[in-house]
Amino acid sequence: MKTKNKSKKKTIKENHTKKQWQLLATRMYRRNLKNDLVIRQLAEDITQKNFTIKRLEKNYEELFNEFTKKLDEYTFANKELAKKNNEVVRAYNGLAELGKFAEEQGIDIKKHSRELPENWKDYKFSQKHTLLESGKVRHEWSLTPPKFVKKKPRTKTKKGEMFYGKPREDDPKDDK
């Protein structure tokens, strides 16, 4: 069987006076005002921080885009420099092989280096080294002679002779 607790619970009103209730109410009201002020300050702080976050995100995106552009440019430039470096190494290897072969044949390379096409004033010298699928390198050298200035067109003299430019004065030998 269940026994019921017959003791009476005291109500809040029985233990507190009206003055105490008013004091409690004013203190709670003041506390609520302070809490409201704190909540407003925190809300304003959150708003400012959100604004700062958005501004920093925008700056981050701009810097990230600029960084990726520069990275792409530098990557491309690095690839081009690597290609040029490989071309120079291939050219050097080709010339070194030719130099070894020439020395084996008894040719003095230093003596003939002054006569190289790149040292010629009027001629245009170029070289090209191509990597073949087989892994070998094909070396091509070309030498272009200078273009000569056109001479003035030929004209006939009184006696039917051809000459360039100014007509000659009559030669006394022609009268005979």
N, C-alpha and C. Protein backbone atom coordinates (compact mmCIF):
# COMPACT_ATOMS: atom_id res chain seq x y z
N MET A 1 0.80 -1.16 0.00
CA MET A 1 0.00 0.00 0.00
C MET A 1 0.85 1.24 0.00
N LYS A 2 0.25 2.13 -0.64
CA LYS A 2 0.98 3.38 -0.74
C LYS A 2 0.50 4.31 0.36
N THR A 3 1.49 4.95 0.91
CA THR A 3 1.13 5.94 1.90
C THR A 3 1.38 7.31 1.32
N LYS A 4 0.49 8.14 1.53
CA LYS A 4 0.60 9.48 1.00
C LYS A 4 1.23 10.37 2.04
N ASN A 5 2.11 11.20 1.52
CA ASN A 5 2.76 12.16 2.39
C ASN A 5 1.80 13.31 2.61
N LYS A 6 1.39 13.44 3.81
CA LYS A 6 0.36 14.42 4.10
C LYS A 6 0.95 15.73 4.58
N SER A 7 2.24 15.88 4.52
CA SER A 7 2.81 17.13 5.00
C SER A 7 2.54 18.23 3.98
N LYS A 8 2.26 19.37 4.45
CA LYS A 8 1.93 20.50 3.59
C LYS A 8 3.20 21.21 3.17
N LYS A 9 3.27 21.53 1.89
CA LYS A 9 4.39 22.30 1.41
C LYS A 9 4.10 23.76 1.66
N LYS A 10 5.14 24.46 2.09
CA LYS A 10 4.94 25.87 2.36
C LYS A 10 5.01 26.63 1.05
N THR A 11 4.19 27.55 0.86
CA THR A 11 4.20 28.36 -0.34
C THR A 11 5.18 29.50 -0.18
N ILE A 12 5.56 30.07 -1.32
CA ILE A 12 6.55 31.14 -1.31
C ILE A 12 6.00 32.36 -0.59
N LYS A 13 4.74 32.58 -0.70
CA LYS A 13 4.13 33.77 -0.10
C LYS A 13 4.23 33.73 1.42
N GLU A 14 4.18 32.61 1.96
CA GLU A 14 4.19 32.53 3.41
C GLU A 14 5.54 32.89 3.98
N ASN A 15 6.64 32.69 3.18
CA ASN A 15 7.97 32.93 3.72
C ASN A 15 8.51 34.33 3.45
N HIS A 16 7.98 35.07 2.48
CA HIS A 16 8.52 36.37 2.10
C HIS A 16 7.49 37.46 2.27
N THR A 17 8.03 38.66 2.54
CA THR A 17 7.13 39.80 2.71
C THR A 17 6.99 40.55 1.40
N LYS A 18 6.07 41.51 1.42
CA LYS A 18 5.82 42.30 0.22
C LYS A 18 7.03 43.17 -0.12
N LYS A 19 7.69 43.71 0.84
CA LYS A 19 8.86 44.54 0.64
C LYS A 19 9.98 43.72 0.00
N GLN A 20 10.14 42.49 0.43
CA GLN A 20 11.17 41.63 -0.15
C GLN A 20 10.85 41.33 -1.63
N TRP A 21 9.56 41.15 -1.91
CA TRP A 21 9.15 40.89 -3.30
C TRP A 21 9.45 42.11 -4.17
N GLN A 22 9.18 43.28 -3.69
CA GLN A 22 9.45 44.48 -4.47
C GLN A 22 10.95 44.66 -4.70
N LEU A 23 11.75 44.39 -3.67
CA LEU A 23 13.20 44.50 -3.79
C LEU A 23 13.71 43.49 -4.84
N LEU A 24 13.20 42.28 -4.78
CA LEU A 24 13.57 41.26 -5.76
C LEU A 24 13.19 41.68 -7.18
N ALA A 25 12.02 42.25 -7.34
CA ALA A 25 11.54 42.67 -8.66
C ALA A 25 12.41 43.79 -9.23
N THR A 26 12.75 44.79 -8.39
CA THR A 26 13.59 45.89 -8.90
C THR A 26 14.99 45.38 -9.24
N ARG A 27 15.53 44.49 -8.43
CA ARG A 27 16.85 43.94 -8.73
C ARG A 27 16.83 43.12 -10.03
N MET A 28 15.81 42.36 -10.23
CA MET A 28 15.69 41.57 -11.47
C MET A 28 15.51 42.49 -12.67
N TYR A 29 14.75 43.58 -12.48
CA TYR A 29 14.55 44.53 -13.57
C TYR A 29 15.88 45.18 -13.95
N ARG A 30 16.66 45.62 -12.94
CA ARG A 30 17.97 46.21 -13.22
C ARG A 30 18.90 45.20 -13.88
N ARG A 31 18.85 43.98 -13.42
CA ARG A 31 19.69 42.93 -14.00
C ARG A 31 19.29 42.69 -15.46
N ASN A 32 18.01 42.71 -15.74
CA ASN A 32 17.53 42.54 -17.12
C ASN A 32 17.98 43.70 -18.00
N LEU A 33 17.98 44.92 -17.46
CA LEU A 33 18.47 46.07 -18.22
C LEU A 33 19.96 45.91 -18.55
N LYS A 34 20.74 45.49 -17.56
CA LYS A 34 22.16 45.26 -17.81
C LYS A 34 22.36 44.15 -18.84
N ASN A 35 21.60 43.07 -18.68
CA ASN A 35 21.71 41.96 -19.64
C ASN A 35 21.33 42.42 -21.05
N ASP A 36 20.30 43.26 -21.14
CA ASP A 36 19.89 43.78 -22.44
C ASP A 36 21.01 44.61 -23.06
N LEU A 37 21.64 45.45 -22.24
CA LEU A 37 22.76 46.25 -22.72
C LEU A 37 23.91 45.35 -23.18
N VAL A 38 24.23 44.34 -22.41
CA VAL A 38 25.31 43.40 -22.78
C VAL A 38 24.95 42.67 -24.08
N ILE A 39 23.70 42.26 -24.20
CA ILE A 39 23.26 41.55 -25.41
C ILE A 39 23.37 42.46 -26.62
N ARG A 40 22.98 43.73 -26.46
CA ARG A 40 23.10 44.66 -27.58
C ARG A 40 24.56 44.88 -27.96
N GLN A 41 25.43 45.02 -26.95
CA GLN A 41 26.85 45.20 -27.24
C GLN A 41 27.42 43.96 -27.95
N LEU A 42 27.05 42.78 -27.49
CA LEU A 42 27.52 41.55 -28.12
C LEU A 42 26.99 41.43 -29.55
N ALA A 43 25.73 41.82 -29.76
CA ALA A 43 25.16 41.78 -31.11
C ALA A 43 25.90 42.74 -32.03
N GLU A 44 26.22 43.94 -31.53
CA GLU A 44 26.97 44.90 -32.33
C GLU A 44 28.38 44.38 -32.62
N ASP A 45 29.00 43.77 -31.62
CA ASP A 45 30.33 43.18 -31.80
C ASP A 45 30.29 42.07 -32.85
N ILE A 46 29.28 41.24 -32.83
CA ILE A 46 29.13 40.16 -33.81
C ILE A 46 28.94 40.75 -35.21
N THR A 47 28.13 41.81 -35.31
CA THR A 47 27.91 42.45 -36.61
C THR A 47 29.23 43.00 -37.16
N GLN A 48 30.00 43.68 -36.31
CA GLN A 48 31.29 44.23 -36.75
C GLN A 48 32.25 43.11 -37.16
N LYS A 49 32.25 42.04 -36.40
CA LYS A 49 33.15 40.92 -36.73
C LYS A 49 32.71 40.24 -38.03
N ASN A 50 31.43 40.14 -38.27
CA ASN A 50 30.95 39.58 -39.54
C ASN A 50 31.37 40.46 -40.71
N PHE A 51 31.26 41.79 -40.53
CA PHE A 51 31.69 42.71 -41.57
C PHE A 51 33.19 42.55 -41.84
N THR A 52 33.99 42.45 -40.77
CA THR A 52 35.43 42.26 -40.92
C THR A 52 35.73 40.94 -41.61
N ILE A 53 35.01 39.90 -41.26
CA ILE A 53 35.21 38.59 -41.89
C ILE A 53 34.91 38.66 -43.38
N LYS A 54 33.82 39.33 -43.76
CA LYS A 54 33.47 39.45 -45.18
C LYS A 54 34.55 40.23 -45.94
N ARG A 55 35.04 41.31 -45.31
CA ARG A 55 36.09 42.12 -45.93
C ARG A 55 37.37 41.29 -46.10
N LEU A 56 37.73 40.53 -45.08
CA LEU A 56 38.92 39.70 -45.16
C LEU A 56 38.75 38.57 -46.17
N GLU A 57 37.55 38.02 -46.28
CA GLU A 57 37.29 36.99 -47.30
C GLU A 57 37.47 37.55 -48.70
N LYS A 58 36.97 38.77 -48.91
CA LYS A 58 37.13 39.41 -50.22
C LYS A 58 38.61 39.63 -50.52
N ASN A 59 39.35 40.16 -49.54
CA ASN A 59 40.80 40.36 -49.72
C ASN A 59 41.50 39.03 -49.98
N TYR A 60 41.09 38.01 -49.27
CA TYR A 60 41.69 36.68 -49.44
C TYR A 60 41.44 36.17 -50.86
N GLU A 61 40.22 36.33 -51.36
CA GLU A 61 39.91 35.87 -52.72
C GLU A 61 40.74 36.62 -53.75
N GLU A 62 40.87 37.96 -53.58
CA GLU A 62 41.66 38.75 -54.52
C GLU A 62 43.13 38.30 -54.50
N LEU A 63 43.67 38.13 -53.29
CA LEU A 63 45.06 37.70 -53.18
C LEU A 63 45.25 36.29 -53.73
N PHE A 64 44.29 35.42 -53.50
CA PHE A 64 44.37 34.06 -54.01
C PHE A 64 44.36 34.06 -55.53
N ASN A 65 43.46 34.85 -56.13
CA ASN A 65 43.40 34.94 -57.60
C ASN A 65 44.71 35.49 -58.17
N GLU A 66 45.23 36.53 -57.53
CA GLU A 66 46.49 37.12 -57.98
C GLU A 66 47.63 36.11 -57.84
N PHE A 67 47.63 35.39 -56.74
CA PHE A 67 48.66 34.37 -56.51
C PHE A 67 48.59 33.27 -57.57
N THR A 68 47.40 32.81 -57.88
CA THR A 68 47.28 31.73 -58.87
C THR A 68 47.70 32.22 -60.26
N LYS A 69 47.37 33.49 -60.60
CA LYS A 69 47.82 34.04 -61.88
C LYS A 69 49.35 34.09 -61.95
N LYS A 70 49.97 34.59 -60.89
CA LYS A 70 51.43 34.68 -60.85
C LYS A 70 52.04 33.28 -60.88
N LEU A 71 51.43 32.35 -60.18
CA LEU A 71 51.94 30.99 -60.18
C LEU A 71 51.89 30.40 -61.58
N ASP A 72 50.79 30.64 -62.30
CA ASP A 72 50.68 30.15 -63.67
C ASP A 72 51.74 30.79 -64.57
N GLU A 73 51.94 32.11 -64.40
CA GLU A 73 52.95 32.81 -65.21
C GLU A 73 54.34 32.24 -64.93
N TYR A 74 54.66 32.07 -63.65
CA TYR A 74 55.98 31.57 -63.29
C TYR A 74 56.17 30.12 -63.72
N THR A 75 55.10 29.34 -63.65
CA THR A 75 55.19 27.96 -64.10
C THR A 75 55.47 27.90 -65.59
N PHE A 76 54.76 28.73 -66.36
CA PHE A 76 54.98 28.79 -67.81
C PHE A 76 56.40 29.25 -68.11
N ALA A 77 56.84 30.31 -67.42
CA ALA A 77 58.20 30.83 -67.64
C ALA A 77 59.23 29.78 -67.26
N ASN A 78 58.98 29.04 -66.20
CA ASN A 78 59.92 28.00 -65.78
C ASN A 78 60.00 26.90 -66.83
N LYS A 79 58.86 26.52 -67.42
CA LYS A 79 58.87 25.51 -68.47
C LYS A 79 59.65 26.00 -69.67
N GLU A 80 59.46 27.26 -70.05
CA GLU A 80 60.18 27.83 -71.19
C GLU A 80 61.69 27.85 -70.91
N LEU A 81 62.06 28.22 -69.69
CA LEU A 81 63.48 28.24 -69.34
C LEU A 81 64.06 26.83 -69.34
N ALA A 82 63.27 25.87 -68.89
CA ALA A 82 63.74 24.48 -68.90
C ALA A 82 63.95 24.01 -70.35
N LYS A 83 63.03 24.39 -71.24
CA LYS A 83 63.19 24.02 -72.66
C LYS A 83 64.45 24.65 -73.23
N LYS A 84 64.66 25.93 -72.94
CA LYS A 84 65.85 26.62 -73.45
C LYS A 84 67.12 26.00 -72.87
N ASN A 85 67.07 25.64 -71.60
CA ASN A 85 68.22 25.00 -70.97
C ASN A 85 68.53 23.67 -71.65
N ASN A 86 67.49 22.88 -71.91
CA ASN A 86 67.69 21.60 -72.60
C ASN A 86 68.27 21.82 -73.98
N GLU A 87 67.79 22.85 -74.67
CA GLU A 87 68.30 23.15 -76.01
C GLU A 87 69.78 23.52 -75.96
N VAL A 88 70.15 24.31 -74.96
CA VAL A 88 71.55 24.72 -74.82
C VAL A 88 72.42 23.50 -74.50
N VAL A 89 71.92 22.64 -73.62
CA VAL A 89 72.70 21.45 -73.27
C VAL A 89 72.86 20.54 -74.49
N ARG A 90 71.80 20.39 -75.26
CA ARG A 90 71.90 19.57 -76.47
C ARG A 90 72.90 20.17 -77.46
N ALA A 91 72.84 21.50 -77.60
CA ALA A 91 73.77 22.16 -78.51
C ALA A 91 75.20 21.95 -78.04
N TYR A 92 75.40 22.10 -76.75
CA TYR A 92 76.75 21.92 -76.20
C TYR A 92 77.22 20.48 -76.41
N ASN A 93 76.33 19.52 -76.15
CA ASN A 93 76.71 18.12 -76.34
C ASN A 93 77.06 17.84 -77.80
N GLY A 94 76.26 18.39 -78.71
CA GLY A 94 76.55 18.21 -80.14
C GLY A 94 77.89 18.80 -80.51
N LEU A 95 78.15 20.01 -80.03
CA LEU A 95 79.43 20.64 -80.33
C LEU A 95 80.59 19.89 -79.66
N ALA A 96 80.35 19.38 -78.47
CA ALA A 96 81.40 18.63 -77.79
C ALA A 96 81.73 17.35 -78.56
N GLU A 97 80.71 16.68 -79.06
CA GLU A 97 80.94 15.48 -79.86
C GLU A 97 81.72 15.82 -81.13
N LEU A 98 81.32 16.92 -81.78
CA LEU A 98 82.05 17.34 -82.97
C LEU A 98 83.49 17.70 -82.62
N GLY A 99 83.68 18.34 -81.48
CA GLY A 99 85.03 18.72 -81.05
C GLY A 99 85.89 17.50 -80.79
N LYS A 100 85.35 16.49 -80.13
CA LYS A 100 86.12 15.26 -79.88
C LYS A 100 86.49 14.59 -81.20
N PHE A 101 85.51 14.55 -82.10
CA PHE A 101 85.77 13.92 -83.40
C PHE A 101 86.84 14.68 -84.15
N ALA A 102 86.79 16.01 -84.10
CA ALA A 102 87.77 16.83 -84.80
C ALA A 102 89.15 16.64 -84.18
N GLU A 103 89.25 16.58 -82.88
CA GLU A 103 90.54 16.38 -82.24
C GLU A 103 91.12 15.02 -82.61
N GLU A 104 90.25 14.02 -82.71
CA GLU A 104 90.72 12.70 -83.12
C GLU A 104 91.28 12.73 -84.54
N GLN A 105 90.75 13.60 -85.37
CA GLN A 105 91.22 13.72 -86.75
C GLN A 105 92.46 14.62 -86.84
N GLY A 106 92.84 15.24 -85.71
CA GLY A 106 94.04 16.07 -85.71
C GLY A 106 93.77 17.51 -86.10
N ILE A 107 92.54 17.97 -85.96
CA ILE A 107 92.20 19.35 -86.32
C ILE A 107 92.31 20.21 -85.06
N ASP A 108 92.99 21.35 -85.19
CA ASP A 108 93.13 22.28 -84.07
C ASP A 108 91.88 23.14 -83.99
N ILE A 109 91.05 22.90 -82.98
CA ILE A 109 89.75 23.58 -82.86
C ILE A 109 89.94 25.05 -82.52
N LYS A 110 90.88 25.36 -81.64
CA LYS A 110 91.07 26.76 -81.23
C LYS A 110 91.51 27.62 -82.40
N LYS A 111 92.31 27.04 -83.24
CA LYS A 111 92.79 27.79 -84.40
C LYS A 111 91.62 28.16 -85.32
N HIS A 112 90.71 27.21 -85.50
CA HIS A 112 89.59 27.42 -86.42
C HIS A 112 88.38 28.10 -85.76
N SER A 113 88.43 28.30 -84.44
CA SER A 113 87.27 28.91 -83.78
C SER A 113 87.04 30.35 -84.23
N ARG A 114 88.13 31.03 -84.64
CA ARG A 114 87.97 32.40 -85.14
C ARG A 114 87.25 32.42 -86.47
N GLU A 115 87.25 31.31 -87.17
CA GLU A 115 86.62 31.25 -88.47
C GLU A 115 85.18 30.73 -88.40
N LEU A 116 84.65 30.58 -87.19
CA LEU A 116 83.27 30.10 -87.05
C LEU A 116 82.29 31.09 -87.64
N PRO A 117 81.17 30.61 -88.15
CA PRO A 117 80.19 31.49 -88.80
C PRO A 117 79.65 32.58 -87.87
N GLU A 118 79.53 32.28 -86.58
CA GLU A 118 79.00 33.32 -85.70
C GLU A 118 79.97 34.48 -85.53
N ASN A 119 81.21 34.29 -85.93
CA ASN A 119 82.20 35.37 -85.87
C ASN A 119 82.28 36.14 -87.18
N TRP A 120 81.62 35.69 -88.21
CA TRP A 120 81.60 36.39 -89.48
C TRP A 120 80.66 37.58 -89.38
N LYS A 121 81.09 38.69 -89.90
CA LYS A 121 80.31 39.91 -89.75
C LYS A 121 79.05 39.93 -90.61
N ASP A 122 79.17 39.54 -91.85
CA ASP A 122 78.06 39.69 -92.78
C ASP A 122 77.13 38.49 -92.83
N TYR A 123 77.60 37.32 -92.42
CA TYR A 123 76.80 36.11 -92.53
C TYR A 123 75.94 35.92 -91.29
N LYS A 124 74.78 35.31 -91.50
CA LYS A 124 73.89 35.00 -90.39
C LYS A 124 74.00 33.51 -90.09
N PHE A 125 74.32 33.19 -88.85
CA PHE A 125 74.52 31.81 -88.44
C PHE A 125 73.39 31.41 -87.49
N SER A 126 72.85 30.22 -87.68
CA SER A 126 71.84 29.71 -86.75
C SER A 126 72.02 28.21 -86.60
N GLN A 127 71.61 27.73 -85.43
CA GLN A 127 71.69 26.30 -85.19
C GLN A 127 70.42 25.83 -84.53
N LYS A 128 70.06 24.58 -84.80
CA LYS A 128 68.82 24.02 -84.27
C LYS A 128 69.11 22.58 -83.86
N HIS A 129 68.62 22.19 -82.70
CA HIS A 129 68.83 20.85 -82.19
C HIS A 129 67.46 20.26 -81.86
N THR A 130 67.13 19.15 -82.49
CA THR A 130 65.80 18.55 -82.34
C THR A 130 65.94 17.19 -81.70
N LEU A 131 65.15 16.94 -80.68
CA LEU A 131 65.13 15.65 -80.01
C LEU A 131 64.18 14.74 -80.79
N LEU A 132 64.70 13.63 -81.30
CA LEU A 132 63.89 12.70 -82.08
C LEU A 132 63.19 11.71 -81.15
N GLU A 133 62.18 11.02 -81.68
CA GLU A 133 61.44 10.05 -80.87
C GLU A 133 62.34 8.91 -80.41
N SER A 134 63.37 8.62 -81.17
CA SER A 134 64.28 7.53 -80.80
C SER A 134 65.18 7.91 -79.63
N GLY A 135 65.18 9.17 -79.24
CA GLY A 135 66.02 9.63 -78.15
C GLY A 135 67.29 10.30 -78.62
N LYS A 136 67.57 10.21 -79.91
CA LYS A 136 68.76 10.85 -80.46
C LYS A 136 68.45 12.31 -80.74
N VAL A 137 69.50 13.08 -80.88
CA VAL A 137 69.35 14.51 -81.15
C VAL A 137 69.87 14.79 -82.55
N ARG A 138 69.07 15.49 -83.35
CA ARG A 138 69.48 15.89 -84.70
C ARG A 138 69.94 17.34 -84.63
N HIS A 139 71.14 17.58 -85.08
CA HIS A 139 71.72 18.92 -85.06
C HIS A 139 71.69 19.50 -86.46
N GLU A 140 71.23 20.75 -86.57
CA GLU A 140 71.18 21.43 -87.86
C GLU A 140 71.84 22.80 -87.70
N TRP A 141 72.74 23.10 -88.62
CA TRP A 141 73.37 24.40 -88.64
C TRP A 141 73.10 25.03 -89.99
N SER A 142 72.85 26.32 -89.99
CA SER A 142 72.62 26.99 -91.27
C SER A 142 73.39 28.31 -91.29
N LEU A 143 73.86 28.63 -92.47
CA LEU A 143 74.64 29.84 -92.67
C LEU A 143 74.03 30.58 -93.85
N THR A 144 73.60 31.80 -93.61
CA THR A 144 72.95 32.60 -94.65
C THR A 144 73.92 33.68 -95.11
N PRO A 145 74.23 33.70 -96.40
CA PRO A 145 75.16 34.75 -96.88
C PRO A 145 74.47 36.11 -96.85
N PRO A 146 75.25 37.15 -96.82
CA PRO A 146 74.66 38.49 -96.78
C PRO A 146 74.00 38.82 -98.11
N LYS A 147 73.02 39.69 -98.04
CA LYS A 147 72.36 40.15 -99.26
C LYS A 147 73.18 41.31 -99.82
N PHE A 148 73.49 41.19 -101.10
CA PHE A 148 74.29 42.22 -101.74
C PHE A 148 73.38 43.36 -102.20
N VAL A 149 73.95 44.56 -102.21
CA VAL A 149 73.21 45.74 -102.65
C VAL A 149 73.12 45.68 -104.17
N LYS A 150 71.94 45.96 -104.70
CA LYS A 150 71.75 45.93 -106.15
C LYS A 150 72.55 47.06 -106.79
N LYS A 151 73.13 46.72 -107.89
CA LYS A 151 73.87 47.75 -108.64
C LYS A 151 72.89 48.51 -109.51
N LYS A 152 73.32 49.67 -109.94
CA LYS A 152 72.46 50.47 -110.80
C LYS A 152 72.28 49.76 -112.14
N PRO A 153 71.16 49.95 -112.77
CA PRO A 153 70.93 49.25 -114.04
C PRO A 153 71.92 49.71 -115.11
N ARG A 154 72.19 48.83 -116.03
CA ARG A 154 73.12 49.15 -117.12
C ARG A 154 72.45 50.08 -118.13
N THR A 155 73.24 50.96 -118.61
CA THR A 155 72.75 51.85 -119.68
C THR A 155 73.75 51.80 -120.83
N LYS A 156 73.31 52.15 -122.00
CA LYS A 156 74.19 52.11 -123.18
C LYS A 156 74.80 53.48 -123.42
N THR A 157 76.02 53.46 -123.85
CA THR A 157 76.67 54.72 -124.22
C THR A 157 76.38 54.98 -125.69
N LYS A 158 76.96 56.03 -126.19
CA LYS A 158 76.75 56.37 -127.59
C LYS A 158 77.28 55.28 -128.50
N LYS A 159 78.33 54.64 -128.07
CA LYS A 159 78.94 53.64 -128.93
C LYS A 159 78.37 52.25 -128.67
N GLY A 160 77.35 52.14 -127.81
CA GLY A 160 76.72 50.86 -127.57
C GLY A 160 77.37 50.05 -126.46
N GLU A 161 78.30 50.67 -125.69
CA GLU A 161 78.94 49.95 -124.61
C GLU A 161 78.04 49.99 -123.36
N MET A 162 78.15 48.96 -122.55
CA MET A 162 77.39 48.90 -121.30
C MET A 162 78.26 49.46 -120.19
N PHE A 163 77.67 50.21 -119.29
CA PHE A 163 78.42 50.69 -118.13
C PHE A 163 77.46 50.85 -116.95
N TYR A 164 78.03 50.97 -115.77
CA TYR A 164 77.25 51.14 -114.55
C TYR A 164 77.41 52.58 -114.07
N GLY A 165 76.32 53.21 -113.71
CA GLY A 165 76.38 54.54 -113.12
C GLY A 165 76.69 55.63 -114.10
N LYS A 166 77.64 56.51 -113.73
CA LYS A 166 77.97 57.68 -114.54
C LYS A 166 78.62 57.25 -115.85
N PRO A 167 78.33 57.95 -116.94
CA PRO A 167 78.99 57.62 -118.21
C PRO A 167 80.45 58.01 -118.16
N ARG A 168 81.28 57.20 -118.81
CA ARG A 168 82.71 57.50 -118.88
C ARG A 168 82.94 58.64 -119.86
N GLU A 169 84.00 59.29 -119.62
CA GLU A 169 84.39 60.30 -120.60
C GLU A 169 84.99 59.56 -121.78
N ASP A 170 84.90 60.17 -122.94
CA ASP A 170 85.42 59.51 -124.15
C ASP A 170 86.89 59.19 -123.99
N ASP A 171 87.18 57.99 -124.33
CA ASP A 171 88.56 57.52 -124.26
C ASP A 171 89.21 57.76 -125.63
N PRO A 172 90.37 58.34 -125.69
CA PRO A 172 90.98 58.59 -126.99
C PRO A 172 91.27 57.31 -127.77
N LYS A 173 91.34 56.16 -127.08
CA LYS A 173 91.61 54.90 -127.77
C LYS A 173 90.40 54.46 -128.59
N ASP A 174 89.19 54.90 -128.21
CA ASP A 174 87.98 54.51 -128.90
C ASP A 174 87.87 55.15 -130.29
N ASP A 175 88.54 56.26 -130.53
CA ASP A 175 88.44 56.95 -131.80
C ASP A 175 89.14 56.20 -132.93
N LYS A 176 90.03 55.38 -132.62
CA LYS A 176 90.81 54.71 -133.66
C LYS A 176 90.09 53.64 -134.36
